[in-house]
PDB file of N, CA and C in Angstrom:
ATOM      1  N   VAL A   1       0.957  -9.080   4.517  1.00  0.00           N
ATOM      2  CA  VAL A   1       0.031  -7.988   4.901  1.00  0.00           C
ATOM      3  C   VAL A   1       0.524  -6.860   4.290  1.00  0.00           C
ATOM      4  N   MET A   2      -0.323  -6.324   3.435  1.00  0.00           N
ATOM      5  CA  MET A   2       0.025  -4.898   2.652  1.00  0.00           C
ATOM      6  C   MET A   2      -0.682  -3.898   3.179  1.00  0.00           C
ATOM      7  N   LEU A   3      -0.022  -2.710   3.353  1.00  0.00           N
ATOM      8  CA  LEU A   3      -0.513  -1.544   4.079  1.00  0.00           C
ATOM      9  C   LEU A   3      -0.617  -0.404   3.261  1.00  0.00           C
ATOM     10  N   CYS A   4      -1.938   0.174   2.817  1.00  0.00           N
ATOM     11  CA  CYS A   4      -2.159   1.046   1.847  1.00  0.00           C
ATOM     12  C   CYS A   4      -2.465   2.292   2.551  1.00  0.00           C
ATOM     13  N   SER A   5      -1.773   3.338   2.341  1.00  0.00           N
ATOM     14  CA  SER A   5      -1.737   4.765   3.264  1.00  0.00           C
ATOM     15  C   SER A   5      -3.039   5.515   2.390  1.00  0.00           C
ATOM     16  N   GLY A   6      -3.339   6.331   3.235  1.00  0.00           N
ATOM     17  CA  GLY A   6      -4.519   7.314   2.728  1.00  0.00           C
ATOM     18  C   GLY A   6      -3.819   8.447   1.980  1.00  0.00           C
ATOM     19  N   LEU A   7      -4.740   9.400   1.802  1.00  0.00           N
ATOM     20  CA  LEU A   7      -4.191  10.669   1.100  1.00  0.00           C
ATOM     21  C   LEU A   7      -3.121  11.251   1.705  1.00  0.00           C
ATOM     22  N   GLY A   8      -2.002  11.610   1.055  1.00  0.00           N
ATOM     23  CA  GLY A   8      -1.038  12.388   1.757  1.00  0.00           C
ATOM     24  C   GLY A   8      -0.159  11.427   2.754  1.00  0.00           C
ATOM     25  N   GLY A   9      -0.502  10.151   2.905  1.00  0.00           N
ATOM     26  CA  GLY A   9      -0.006   9.286   3.940  1.00  0.00           C
ATOM     27  C   GLY A   9       1.478   8.779   3.344  1.00  0.00           C
ATOM     28  N   ARG A  10       2.274   8.323   4.125  1.00  0.00           N
ATOM     29  CA  ARG A  10       3.550   7.695   3.430  1.00  0.00           C
ATOM     30  C   ARG A  10       3.735   6.207   4.307  1.00  0.00           C
ATOM     31  N   ALA A  11       4.688   5.642   3.631  1.00  0.00           N
ATOM     32  CA  ALA A  11       4.941   4.392   4.138  1.00  0.00           C
ATOM     33  C   ALA A  11       5.276   4.370   5.442  1.00  0.00           C
ATOM     34  N   LEU A  12       6.188   5.358   5.878  1.00  0.00           N
ATOM     35  CA  LEU A  12       6.714   5.351   7.077  1.00  0.00           C
ATOM     36  C   LEU A  12       5.857   5.622   8.399  1.00  0.00           C
ATOM     37  N   HIS A  13       4.597   6.244   7.854  1.00  0.00           N
ATOM     38  CA  HIS A  13       3.526   6.356   8.946  1.00  0.00           C
ATOM     39  C   HIS A  13       3.113   4.958   9.508  1.00  0.00           C
ATOM     40  N   TRP A  14       3.453   3.939   8.888  1.00  0.00           N
ATOM     41  CA  TRP A  14       3.161   2.495   9.098  1.00  0.00           C
ATOM     42  C   TRP A  14       4.185   1.914  10.081  1.00  0.00           C
ATOM     43  N   SER A  15       5.141   2.636  10.647  1.00  0.00           N
ATOM     44  CA  SER A  15       6.162   1.884  11.256  1.00  0.00           C
ATOM     45  C   SER A  15       5.841   1.148  12.458  1.00  0.00           C
ATOM     46  N   ASP A  16       4.917   1.743  13.389  1.00  0.00           N
ATOM     47  CA  ASP A  16       4.390   1.143  14.593  1.00  0.00           C
ATOM     48  C   ASP A  16       3.718  -0.119  14.210  1.00  0.00           C
ATOM     49  N   THR A  17       2.790  -0.265  13.256  1.00  0.00           N
ATOM     50  CA  THR A  17       2.272  -1.441  12.873  1.00  0.00           C
ATOM     51  C   THR A  17       3.128  -2.253  12.125  1.00  0.00           C
ATOM     52  N   VAL A  18       3.954  -2.116  11.428  1.00  0.00           N
ATOM     53  CA  VAL A  18       5.035  -3.044  10.710  1.00  0.00           C
ATOM     54  C   VAL A  18       5.813  -3.662  12.146  1.00  0.00           C
ATOM     55  N   ALA A  19       6.039  -2.799  12.986  1.00  0.00           N
ATOM     56  CA  ALA A  19       6.953  -3.374  14.260  1.00  0.00           C
ATOM     57  C   ALA A  19       5.935  -4.406  14.971  1.00  0.00           C
ATOM     58  N   GLU A  20       4.735  -4.398  14.988  1.00  0.00           N
ATOM     59  CA  GLU A  20       3.910  -5.318  15.595  1.00  0.00           C
ATOM     60  C   GLU A  20       3.808  -6.482  14.801  1.00  0.00           C
ATOM     61  N   LEU A  21       3.787  -6.426  13.465  1.00  0.00           N
ATOM     62  CA  LEU A  21       3.226  -7.736  12.341  1.00  0.00           C
ATOM     63  C   LEU A  21       4.688  -8.491  11.925  1.00  0.00           C
ATOM     64  N   ALA A  22       5.737  -7.791  11.744  1.00  0.00           N
ATOM     65  CA  ALA A  22       6.868  -8.238  11.200  1.00  0.00           C
ATOM     66  C   ALA A  22       7.340  -9.513  11.853  1.00  0.00           C
ATOM     67  N   HIS A  23       7.177  -9.688  13.046  1.00  0.00           N
ATOM     68  CA  HIS A  23       7.937 -10.985  13.680  1.00  0.00           C
ATOM     69  C   HIS A  23       7.179 -12.100  13.066  1.00  0.00           C
ATOM     70  N   ASP A  24       5.973 -12.074  12.512  1.00  0.00           N
ATOM     71  CA  ASP A  24       5.483 -13.472  11.989  1.00  0.00           C
ATOM     72  C   ASP A  24       4.679 -12.892  10.603  1.00  0.00           C
ATOM     73  N   HIS A  25       5.041 -12.136  10.115  1.00  0.00           N
ATOM     74  CA  HIS A  25       4.356 -11.739   8.742  1.00  0.00           C
ATOM     75  C   HIS A  25       5.264 -11.154   7.606  1.00  0.00           C
ATOM     76  N   ILE A  26       5.049 -11.279   6.453  1.00  0.00           N
ATOM     77  CA  ILE A  26       5.826 -10.469   5.454  1.00  0.00           C
ATOM     78  C   ILE A  26       4.791  -9.097   5.419  1.00  0.00           C
ATOM     79  N   VAL A  27       5.432  -8.086   5.664  1.00  0.00           N
ATOM     80  CA  VAL A  27       4.711  -6.607   5.594  1.00  0.00           C
ATOM     81  C   VAL A  27       5.340  -5.880   4.442  1.00  0.00           C
ATOM     82  N   VAL A  28       4.294  -5.282   3.673  1.00  0.00           N
ATOM     83  CA  VAL A  28       4.515  -4.460   2.544  1.00  0.00           C
ATOM     84  C   VAL A  28       3.938  -3.299   2.765  1.00  0.00           C
ATOM     85  N   ARG A  29       4.777  -2.242   2.670  1.00  0.00           N
ATOM     86  CA  ARG A  29       4.212  -0.882   2.317  1.00  0.00           C
ATOM     87  C   ARG A  29       5.129   0.069   1.537  1.00  0.00           C
ATOM     88  N   PHE A  30       4.450   0.997   0.937  1.00  0.00           N
ATOM     89  CA  PHE A  30       5.133   1.689  -0.250  1.00  0.00           C
ATOM     90  C   PHE A  30       4.466   3.004  -0.522  1.00  0.00           C
ATOM     91  N   ASP A  31       5.347   3.917  -0.941  1.00  0.00           N
ATOM     92  CA  ASP A  31       4.747   5.364  -1.281  1.00  0.00           C
ATOM     93  C   ASP A  31       4.121   5.161  -2.697  1.00  0.00           C
ATOM     94  N   ARG A  32       3.058   5.579  -2.845  1.00  0.00           N
ATOM     95  CA  ARG A  32       2.596   5.621  -4.109  1.00  0.00           C
ATOM     96  C   ARG A  32       3.003   7.095  -4.802  1.00  0.00           C
ATOM     97  N   PRO A  33       3.088   7.264  -6.018  1.00  0.00           N
ATOM     98  CA  PRO A  33       3.166   8.444  -6.683  1.00  0.00           C
ATOM     99  C   PRO A  33       2.286   9.354  -6.335  1.00  0.00           C
ATOM    100  N   GLY A  34       2.680  10.736  -5.872  1.00  0.00           N
ATOM    101  CA  GLY A  34       2.049  11.866  -5.220  1.00  0.00           C
ATOM    102  C   GLY A  34       2.013  11.924  -4.030  1.00  0.00           C
ATOM    103  N   THR A  35       2.653  10.916  -3.266  1.00  0.00           N
ATOM    104  CA  THR A  35       2.964  11.280  -1.747  1.00  0.00           C
ATOM    105  C   THR A  35       4.088  12.315  -1.751  1.00  0.00           C
ATOM    106  N   PRO A  36       4.233  12.900  -0.441  1.00  0.00           N
ATOM    107  CA  PRO A  36       5.047  13.947  -0.299  1.00  0.00           C
ATOM    108  C   PRO A  36       6.510  13.661  -0.738  1.00  0.00           C
ATOM    109  N   VAL A  37       6.765  12.280  -0.893  1.00  0.00           N
ATOM    110  CA  VAL A  37       8.401  12.152  -1.211  1.00  0.00           C
ATOM    111  C   VAL A  37       8.245  11.633  -2.613  1.00  0.00           C
ATOM    112  N   THR A  38       7.189  11.390  -3.447  1.00  0.00           N
ATOM    113  CA  THR A  38       7.336  10.918  -4.897  1.00  0.00           C
ATOM    114  C   THR A  38       6.398  11.719  -5.801  1.00  0.00           C
ATOM    115  N   ARG A  39       6.921  12.058  -6.964  1.00  0.00           N
ATOM    116  CA  ARG A  39       5.925  12.757  -7.844  1.00  0.00           C
ATOM    117  C   ARG A  39       4.838  12.011  -8.384  1.00  0.00           C
ATOM    118  N   ALA A  40       3.659  12.679  -8.549  1.00  0.00           N
ATOM    119  CA  ALA A  40       2.641  11.886  -9.335  1.00  0.00           C
ATOM    120  C   ALA A  40       2.629  12.030 -10.735  1.00  0.00           C
ATOM    121  N   PRO A  41       2.445  11.159 -11.737  1.00  0.00           N
ATOM    122  CA  PRO A  41       2.479  11.338 -13.070  1.00  0.00           C
ATOM    123  C   PRO A  41       1.588  11.906 -13.775  1.00  0.00           C
ATOM    124  N   GLY A  42       0.466  12.421 -12.921  1.00  0.00           N
ATOM    125  CA  GLY A  42      -0.666  13.117 -13.564  1.00  0.00           C
ATOM    126  C   GLY A  42      -2.044  12.518 -12.775  1.00  0.00           C
ATOM    127  N   PRO A  43      -3.069  12.938 -12.964  1.00  0.00           N
ATOM    128  CA  PRO A  43      -4.319  12.222 -12.397  1.00  0.00           C
ATOM    129  C   PRO A  43      -4.414  10.866 -12.425  1.00  0.00           C
ATOM    130  N   ARG A  44      -4.642  10.300 -11.162  1.00  0.00           N
ATOM    131  CA  ARG A  44      -4.877   9.069 -11.089  1.00  0.00           C
ATOM    132  C   ARG A  44      -6.332   8.392 -10.761  1.00  0.00           C
ATOM    133  N   THR A  45      -6.609   7.196 -11.176  1.00  0.00           N
ATOM    134  CA  THR A  45      -7.827   6.677 -10.940  1.00  0.00           C
ATOM    135  C   THR A  45      -7.706   5.625  -9.770  1.00  0.00           C
ATOM    136  N   VAL A  46      -8.905   5.283  -9.332  1.00  0.00           N
ATOM    137  CA  VAL A  46      -8.902   4.199  -8.405  1.00  0.00           C
ATOM    138  C   VAL A  46      -8.159   2.819  -9.063  1.00  0.00           C
ATOM    139  N   ARG A  47      -8.887   2.490 -10.123  1.00  0.00           N
ATOM    140  CA  ARG A  47      -8.288   1.503 -10.835  1.00  0.00           C
ATOM    141  C   ARG A  47      -6.855   1.453 -11.173  1.00  0.00           C
ATOM    142  N   GLN A  48      -6.299   2.660 -11.456  1.00  0.00           N
ATOM    143  CA  GLN A  48      -4.798   2.760 -11.416  1.00  0.00           C
ATOM    144  C   GLN A  48      -4.100   2.284 -10.321  1.00  0.00           C
ATOM    145  N   GLU A  49      -4.688   2.812  -9.025  1.00  0.00           N
ATOM    146  CA  GLU A  49      -3.980   2.397  -7.893  1.00  0.00           C
ATOM    147  C   GLU A  49      -4.268   1.010  -7.350  1.00  0.00           C
ATOM    148  N   ALA A  50      -5.406   0.505  -7.840  1.00  0.00           N
ATOM    149  CA  ALA A  50      -5.533  -1.013  -7.507  1.00  0.00           C
ATOM    150  C   ALA A  50      -4.610  -1.714  -8.403  1.00  0.00           C
ATOM    151  N   GLU A  51      -4.188  -1.420  -9.392  1.00  0.00           N
ATOM    152  CA  GLU A  51      -3.370  -2.102 -10.353  1.00  0.00           C
ATOM    153  C   GLU A  51      -2.123  -1.930  -9.976  1.00  0.00           C
ATOM    154  N   ARG A  52      -1.468  -0.734  -9.451  1.00  0.00           N
ATOM    155  CA  ARG A  52      -0.345  -0.627  -8.694  1.00  0.00           C
ATOM    156  C   ARG A  52      -0.222  -1.667  -7.405  1.00  0.00           C
ATOM    157  N   ILE A  53      -1.099  -1.636  -6.632  1.00  0.00           N
ATOM    158  CA  ILE A  53      -1.112  -2.451  -5.608  1.00  0.00           C
ATOM    159  C   ILE A  53      -1.083  -4.037  -5.919  1.00  0.00           C
ATOM    160  N   ALA A  54      -1.698  -4.438  -7.100  1.00  0.00           N
ATOM    161  CA  ALA A  54      -1.493  -5.672  -7.580  1.00  0.00           C
ATOM    162  C   ALA A  54      -0.216  -5.822  -8.159  1.00  0.00           C
ATOM    163  N   ALA A  55       0.473  -4.981  -8.716  1.00  0.00           N
ATOM    164  CA  ALA A  55       1.769  -5.268  -9.283  1.00  0.00           C
ATOM    165  C   ALA A  55       2.807  -5.330  -8.254  1.00  0.00           C
ATOM    166  N   VAL A  56       2.659  -4.509  -7.104  1.00  0.00           N
ATOM    167  CA  VAL A  56       3.617  -4.764  -5.932  1.00  0.00           C
ATOM    168  C   VAL A  56       3.288  -6.093  -5.341  1.00  0.00           C
ATOM    169  N   LEU A  57       1.970  -6.647  -5.235  1.00  0.00           N
ATOM    170  CA  LEU A  57       1.807  -7.856  -4.804  1.00  0.00           C
ATOM    171  C   LEU A  57       2.346  -9.129  -5.610  1.00  0.00           C
ATOM    172  N   ASP A  58       2.436  -8.938  -6.818  1.00  0.00           N
ATOM    173  CA  ASP A  58       2.813 -10.004  -7.599  1.00  0.00           C
ATOM    174  C   ASP A  58       4.274 -10.019  -7.586  1.00  0.00           C
ATOM    175  N   ALA A  59       4.906  -8.861  -6.943  1.00  0.00           N
ATOM    176  CA  ALA A  59       6.490  -9.225  -6.893  1.00  0.00           C
ATOM    177  C   ALA A  59       6.443  -9.797  -5.484  1.00  0.00           C
ATOM    178  N   VAL A  60       5.557 -10.029  -4.625  1.00  0.00           N
ATOM    179  CA  VAL A  60       6.081 -10.495  -3.445  1.00  0.00           C
ATOM    180  C   VAL A  60       5.581 -11.966  -3.020  1.00  0.00           C
ATOM    181  N   ARG A  61       6.662 -12.881  -2.614  1.00  0.00           N
ATOM    182  CA  ARG A  61       6.390 -14.283  -2.477  1.00  0.00           C
ATOM    183  C   ARG A  61       5.332 -14.557  -1.623  1.00  0.00           C
ATOM    184  N   GLY A  62       4.349 -15.314  -2.231  1.00  0.00           N
ATOM    185  CA  GLY A  62       3.163 -15.731  -1.108  1.00  0.00           C
ATOM    186  C   GLY A  62       2.113 -14.791  -1.171  1.00  0.00           C
ATOM    187  N   ALA A  63       2.055 -13.845  -2.041  1.00  0.00           N
ATOM    188  CA  ALA A  63       1.181 -12.676  -2.074  1.00  0.00           C
ATOM    189  C   ALA A  63      -0.547 -13.338  -2.195  1.00  0.00           C
ATOM    190  N   ASP A  64      -0.456 -14.468  -2.673  1.00  0.00           N
ATOM    191  CA  ASP A  64      -1.917 -15.151  -2.923  1.00  0.00           C
ATOM    192  C   ASP A  64      -2.701 -14.984  -1.642  1.00  0.00           C
ATOM    193  N   ASP A  65      -1.956 -15.072  -0.298  1.00  0.00           N
ATOM    194  CA  ASP A  65      -2.693 -15.001   0.780  1.00  0.00           C
ATOM    195  C   ASP A  65      -2.751 -13.706   1.438  1.00  0.00           C
ATOM    196  N   ALA A  66      -2.406 -12.748   0.645  1.00  0.00           N
ATOM    197  CA  ALA A  66      -2.300 -11.389   1.267  1.00  0.00           C
ATOM    198  C   ALA A  66      -3.491 -11.041   1.800  1.00  0.00           C
ATOM    199  N   VAL A  67      -3.272  -9.965   2.925  1.00  0.00           N
ATOM    200  CA  VAL A  67      -4.224  -9.073   3.622  1.00  0.00           C
ATOM    201  C   VAL A  67      -4.013  -7.686   3.276  1.00  0.00           C
ATOM    202  N   LEU A  68      -5.171  -7.076   2.680  1.00  0.00           N
ATOM    203  CA  LEU A  68      -4.749  -5.644   2.527  1.00  0.00           C
ATOM    204  C   LEU A  68      -5.566  -4.844   3.507  1.00  0.00           C
ATOM    205  N   VAL A  69      -4.632  -3.884   3.964  1.00  0.00           N
ATOM    206  CA  VAL A  69      -5.192  -2.871   5.024  1.00  0.00           C
ATOM    207  C   VAL A  69      -5.218  -1.568   4.311  1.00  0.00           C
ATOM    208  N   GLY A  70      -6.202  -0.936   4.463  1.00  0.00           N
ATOM    209  CA  GLY A  70      -6.209   0.543   3.872  1.00  0.00           C
ATOM    210  C   GLY A  70      -6.605   1.402   4.733  1.00  0.00           C
ATOM    211  N   HIS A  71      -5.863   2.722   4.781  1.00  0.00           N
ATOM    212  CA  HIS A  71      -6.380   3.634   5.712  1.00  0.00           C
ATOM    213  C   HIS A  71      -6.936   4.777   4.688  1.00  0.00           C
ATOM    214  N   SER A  72      -8.222   5.378   5.215  1.00  0.00           N
ATOM    215  CA  SER A  72      -8.744   6.396   4.473  1.00  0.00           C
ATOM    216  C   SER A  72      -9.032   6.099   3.076  1.00  0.00           C
ATOM    217  N   VAL A  73      -8.459   6.857   2.058  1.00  0.00           N
ATOM    218  CA  VAL A  73      -8.645   6.540   0.660  1.00  0.00           C
ATOM    219  C   VAL A  73      -7.772   5.286   0.221  1.00  0.00           C
ATOM    220  N   GLY A  74      -6.853   5.080   0.982  1.00  0.00           N
ATOM    221  CA  GLY A  74      -6.235   3.454   1.048  1.00  0.00           C
ATOM    222  C   GLY A  74      -7.205   2.490   1.006  1.00  0.00           C
ATOM    223  N   GLY A  75      -8.188   2.754   1.580  1.00  0.00           N
ATOM    224  CA  GLY A  75      -9.186   1.755   1.883  1.00  0.00           C
ATOM    225  C   GLY A  75      -9.930   1.184   0.624  1.00  0.00           C
ATOM    226  N   PHE A  76     -10.238   2.512  -0.301  1.00  0.00           N
ATOM    227  CA  PHE A  76     -10.820   2.616  -1.657  1.00  0.00           C
ATOM    228  C   PHE A  76      -9.879   1.610  -2.604  1.00  0.00           C
ATOM    229  N   TYR A  77      -8.709   2.003  -2.631  1.00  0.00           N
ATOM    230  CA  TYR A  77      -7.590   1.444  -3.515  1.00  0.00           C
ATOM    231  C   TYR A  77      -7.663  -0.221  -3.069  1.00  0.00           C
ATOM    232  N   ALA A  78      -7.474  -0.471  -1.716  1.00  0.00           N
ATOM    233  CA  ALA A  78      -7.213  -1.853  -1.278  1.00  0.00           C
ATOM    234  C   ALA A  78      -8.802  -2.519  -1.726  1.00  0.00           C
ATOM    235  N   GLU A  79      -9.755  -1.932  -1.500  1.00  0.00           N
ATOM    236  CA  GLU A  79     -11.080  -2.718  -1.997  1.00  0.00           C
ATOM    237  C   GLU A  79     -11.131  -2.989  -3.652  1.00  0.00           C
ATOM    238  N   ALA A  80     -10.658  -1.905  -4.258  1.00  0.00           N
ATOM    239  CA  ALA A  80     -10.750  -2.310  -5.759  1.00  0.00           C
ATOM    240  C   ALA A  80      -9.612  -3.249  -6.368  1.00  0.00           C
TER     241      ALA A  80
END
């Protein structure tokens, strides 16, 4: 399960969700560039964010069966 935060959201905001899912799922959450703890390299597009999600999933074992969960603008990224 990959959890994609909304605008200004952080990976730590998913802590309660991770606690519920982690006992029987691999759960991935991350801070995209531009969140309060990381710098953005400049303007980003939905395609760039979707490619970033794909790159993270490529690094995770069994990601072919991944379920993407997006909150707010993270839903656009997950859908893309």
